[in-house]
Amino acid sequence: MRIVLVGPPGAGKGTQAAFLAKNLAIPHISTGDLFRANISQQTELGKLAKSYMDKGELVPDEVTIAMAKDRMEQPDAENGFLLDGFPRNVSQAEALDEMLSSESMKLDAVLDLEVPEDEVVRRIAGRRICRNDSSHVFHVSYKAPKQEGVCDVCGGELYQRDDDSEETVRTRLEVYHTQTEPIIDYYRAQNLVVTIPALGKVEDVTARSMEALAREDA
């Protein structure tokens, strides 16, 4: 299956993408991973992307599209893929359609993870990260440390990242509504969108997504 996963920041796209890709035996292709891989391997596209990033500029659509195209042409994506973070706007969605149609392929579904905005803010603004090890993540409501401000694992100080503040989260949501949300209408016109309520346990959201995909594939 060829799937696009969309949803606001804090909807759990990365977590769901990993579970869904494993269940469907297709690669999870995320924009973040694409950038990191190309930059670390110093590919021509990676060098180009880094030149914009170093100047604090957005990487142009054509660079992101070229990276995605290269990744989707790898052997492990022959039977499908799950895209996370791409396309990010309607121009990229149109480019993806063009790419696929040139290979006589098309998308099977667009999963829209739906989370109320207040819950998105609660999820992200409540995160606390360990200064000693960023993989130690807690949450003031959902996974509170035993001692406030102290990591349960190593005793390090817990802090809130600047981009996790409520003000920053609401700004990120505005960017999502302006740039990315329009692709939902774009794909809805193609009858590809399946809305998945993304509240509740991770495994429950995965189960809803798998059930929806099974119906689409039937």
Protein backbone atom coordinates (compact mmCIF):
# COMPACT_ATOMS: atom_id res chain seq x y z
CA MET A 1 0.00 0.00 0.00
CA ARG A 2 1.05 3.59 -0.63
CA ILE A 3 -0.07 5.80 2.22
CA VAL A 4 0.33 9.41 3.31
CA LEU A 5 0.00 10.17 7.03
CA VAL A 6 -1.11 13.67 8.00
CA GLY A 7 -2.07 15.41 11.22
CA PRO A 8 -1.10 18.37 13.39
CA PRO A 9 2.08 18.45 15.47
CA GLY A 10 1.54 16.33 18.56
CA ALA A 11 -0.91 13.98 16.84
CA GLY A 12 1.49 11.05 17.21
CA LYS A 13 2.35 10.68 13.53
CA GLY A 14 5.85 9.34 14.13
CA THR A 15 4.68 6.74 16.64
CA GLN A 16 1.77 5.61 14.47
CA ALA A 17 3.91 5.57 11.33
CA ALA A 18 6.38 3.17 12.95
CA PHE A 19 3.65 0.77 14.07
CA LEU A 20 1.72 0.92 10.80
CA ALA A 21 4.81 0.46 8.64
CA LYS A 22 5.77 -2.62 10.65
CA ASN A 23 2.26 -4.09 10.45
CA LEU A 24 2.04 -3.44 6.71
CA ALA A 25 5.65 -4.49 5.99
CA ILE A 26 6.40 -1.26 4.11
CA PRO A 27 9.07 1.38 4.82
CA HIS A 28 8.29 4.41 6.93
CA ILE A 29 9.62 7.42 5.02
CA SER A 30 9.80 10.57 7.12
CA THR A 31 11.00 13.96 5.96
CA GLY A 32 13.18 14.34 9.04
CA ASP A 33 14.93 11.04 8.38
CA LEU A 34 15.42 11.94 4.72
CA PHE A 35 17.13 15.21 5.61
CA ARG A 36 19.31 13.64 8.29
CA ALA A 37 20.37 10.75 6.02
CA ASN A 38 21.20 12.95 3.04
CA ILE A 39 23.10 15.47 5.16
CA SER A 40 25.08 12.83 7.10
CA GLN A 41 25.94 10.98 3.88
CA GLN A 42 26.86 14.29 2.23
CA THR A 43 24.82 13.57 -0.89
CA GLU A 44 24.44 16.40 -3.39
CA LEU A 45 20.86 16.91 -2.21
CA GLY A 46 22.04 16.84 1.40
CA LYS A 47 24.68 19.49 0.75
CA LEU A 48 22.10 21.62 -1.04
CA ALA A 49 19.58 21.27 1.79
CA LYS A 50 22.24 22.10 4.40
CA SER A 51 23.25 25.25 2.52
CA TYR A 52 19.72 26.60 3.03
CA MET A 53 19.41 25.35 6.59
CA ASP A 54 22.73 26.93 7.59
CA LYS A 55 21.36 30.27 6.44
CA GLY A 56 18.17 29.73 8.44
CA GLU A 57 16.14 29.45 5.25
CA LEU A 58 13.46 26.91 4.34
CA VAL A 59 14.62 24.12 2.07
CA PRO A 60 12.88 24.64 -1.32
CA ASP A 61 10.13 22.21 -2.31
CA GLU A 62 12.11 20.90 -5.27
CA VAL A 63 14.93 19.69 -2.99
CA THR A 64 12.51 17.93 -0.61
CA ILE A 65 10.65 16.40 -3.56
CA ALA A 66 13.90 15.11 -5.10
CA MET A 67 14.89 13.48 -1.80
CA ALA A 68 11.48 11.83 -1.48
CA LYS A 69 11.58 10.61 -5.08
CA ASP A 70 15.02 9.07 -4.60
CA ARG A 71 13.86 7.29 -1.43
CA MET A 72 10.65 5.97 -2.97
CA GLU A 73 12.67 4.47 -5.83
CA GLN A 74 14.66 2.23 -3.44
CA PRO A 75 13.97 -1.53 -3.68
CA ASP A 76 12.32 -1.79 -0.24
CA ALA A 77 9.60 0.66 -1.36
CA GLU A 78 8.66 -1.38 -4.43
CA ASN A 79 5.51 -2.76 -2.77
CA GLY A 80 4.53 0.44 -1.02
CA PHE A 81 5.52 3.02 1.57
CA LEU A 82 4.17 5.20 4.33
CA LEU A 83 4.99 8.90 3.96
CA ASP A 84 5.25 10.99 7.14
CA GLY A 85 5.89 14.73 6.77
CA PHE A 86 5.69 14.65 2.98
CA PRO A 87 3.86 16.13 1.20
CA ARG A 88 3.79 19.21 3.43
CA ASN A 89 1.82 21.48 1.08
CA VAL A 90 -0.37 21.27 -2.01
CA SER A 91 2.55 21.89 -4.40
CA GLN A 92 4.35 18.86 -2.95
CA ALA A 93 1.13 16.82 -3.13
CA GLU A 94 0.77 17.67 -6.81
CA ALA A 95 4.42 16.72 -7.40
CA LEU A 96 3.86 13.39 -5.62
CA ASP A 97 0.83 12.65 -7.79
CA GLU A 98 2.87 13.42 -10.88
CA MET A 99 5.72 11.19 -9.69
CA LEU A 100 3.43 8.26 -9.02
CA SER A 101 1.39 8.61 -12.20
CA SER A 102 4.61 8.61 -14.26
CA GLU A 103 5.23 5.12 -12.85
CA SER A 104 1.58 4.08 -13.34
CA MET A 105 1.06 4.13 -9.56
CA LYS A 106 -1.23 5.99 -7.18
CA LEU A 107 -1.85 6.50 -3.49
CA ASP A 108 -4.14 4.05 -1.72
CA ALA A 109 -5.10 6.22 1.25
CA VAL A 110 -4.38 9.39 3.20
CA LEU A 111 -4.74 8.85 6.95
CA ASP A 112 -5.70 12.06 8.75
CA LEU A 113 -4.95 11.76 12.49
CA GLU A 114 -7.51 13.97 14.18
CA VAL A 115 -6.70 15.51 17.57
CA PRO A 116 -8.44 18.54 19.19
CA GLU A 117 -6.19 21.60 19.25
CA ASP A 118 -6.28 21.96 23.05
CA GLU A 119 -5.09 18.36 23.37
CA VAL A 120 -2.20 19.05 20.97
CA VAL A 121 -1.11 21.97 23.16
CA ARG A 122 -1.49 19.84 26.31
CA ARG A 123 0.56 17.00 24.83
CA ILE A 124 3.47 19.10 23.60
CA ALA A 125 3.60 21.84 26.25
CA GLY A 126 3.57 19.22 28.99
CA ARG A 127 6.69 17.42 27.74
CA ARG A 128 9.82 17.49 29.88
CA ILE A 129 13.21 16.30 28.60
CA CYS A 130 16.22 15.12 30.59
CA ARG A 131 19.26 17.37 30.13
CA ASN A 132 21.58 14.36 30.45
CA ASP A 133 19.80 12.17 27.89
CA SER A 134 17.14 13.50 25.51
CA SER A 135 15.71 9.99 25.09
CA HIS A 136 14.39 10.25 28.67
CA VAL A 137 11.06 11.99 28.09
CA PHE A 138 8.36 12.67 30.67
CA HIS A 139 5.04 14.51 30.73
CA VAL A 140 3.52 16.55 33.54
CA SER A 141 0.14 14.84 33.06
CA TYR A 142 0.64 11.53 31.25
CA LYS A 143 4.05 10.35 32.51
CA ALA A 144 5.00 12.45 35.49
CA PRO A 145 8.40 11.84 37.11
CA LYS A 146 8.42 10.55 40.70
CA GLN A 147 10.08 13.79 41.78
CA GLU A 148 9.13 16.99 39.98
CA GLY A 149 11.90 18.24 37.71
CA VAL A 150 14.09 15.15 38.20
CA CYS A 151 14.62 12.31 35.70
CA ASP A 152 13.56 8.91 37.09
CA VAL A 153 16.26 7.16 35.04
CA CYS A 154 19.45 9.09 35.78
CA GLY A 155 18.53 11.89 38.19
CA GLY A 156 19.20 14.58 35.60
CA GLU A 157 17.34 17.87 35.45
CA LEU A 158 14.12 17.87 33.43
CA TYR A 159 13.39 20.92 31.29
CA GLN A 160 10.90 22.19 28.71
CA ARG A 161 12.37 22.77 25.24
CA ASP A 162 11.83 26.24 23.82
CA ASP A 163 9.85 24.85 20.89
CA ASP A 164 7.54 23.00 23.32
CA SER A 165 6.22 26.18 24.96
CA GLU A 166 2.49 26.84 24.51
CA GLU A 167 3.15 29.99 22.47
CA THR A 168 5.46 28.12 20.08
CA VAL A 169 3.05 25.18 19.79
CA ARG A 170 0.20 27.49 18.81
CA THR A 171 2.47 29.12 16.21
CA ARG A 172 3.31 25.66 14.82
CA LEU A 173 -0.40 24.88 14.66
CA GLU A 174 -1.01 28.06 12.67
CA VAL A 175 1.69 27.00 10.19
CA TYR A 176 0.05 23.56 9.95
CA HIS A 177 -3.41 25.05 9.32
CA THR A 178 -2.03 27.42 6.67
CA GLN A 179 0.45 25.20 4.82
CA THR A 180 -0.35 21.53 5.41
CA GLU A 181 -4.05 21.24 6.21
CA PRO A 182 -5.07 22.27 2.66
CA ILE A 183 -3.66 18.96 1.36
CA ILE A 184 -6.48 17.19 3.21
CA ASP A 185 -9.05 18.93 0.99
CA TYR A 186 -6.82 18.25 -2.02
CA TYR A 187 -6.86 14.51 -1.28
CA ARG A 188 -10.48 14.51 -0.15
CA ALA A 189 -11.39 15.55 -3.69
CA GLN A 190 -9.74 12.27 -4.78
CA ASN A 191 -11.71 10.26 -2.17
CA LEU A 192 -8.47 9.23 -0.46
CA VAL A 193 -8.87 10.73 3.02
CA VAL A 194 -9.68 8.51 5.98
CA THR A 195 -10.05 10.40 9.27
CA ILE A 196 -8.74 8.54 12.31
CA PRO A 197 -9.63 9.76 15.84
CA ALA A 198 -6.17 9.87 17.44
CA LEU A 199 -7.12 10.15 21.11
CA GLY A 200 -6.54 7.21 23.45
CA LYS A 201 -3.92 4.50 23.71
CA VAL A 202 -1.33 4.19 20.93
CA GLU A 203 -2.36 0.61 20.16
CA ASP A 204 -6.04 1.64 19.90
CA VAL A 205 -5.21 4.35 17.36
CA THR A 206 -3.12 1.84 15.40
CA ALA A 207 -6.01 -0.65 15.43
CA ARG A 208 -8.43 2.00 14.12
CA SER A 209 -5.98 2.86 11.34
CA MET A 210 -5.46 -0.79 10.35
CA GLU A 211 -9.22 -1.39 10.28
CA ALA A 212 -9.74 1.69 8.10
CA LEU A 213 -6.98 0.60 5.70
CA ALA A 214 -8.47 -2.90 5.47
CA ARG A 215 -11.79 -1.34 4.41
CA GLU A 216 -10.01 0.84 1.84
CA ASP A 217 -8.17 -2.19 0.47
CA ALA A 218 -11.29 -4.36 0.30
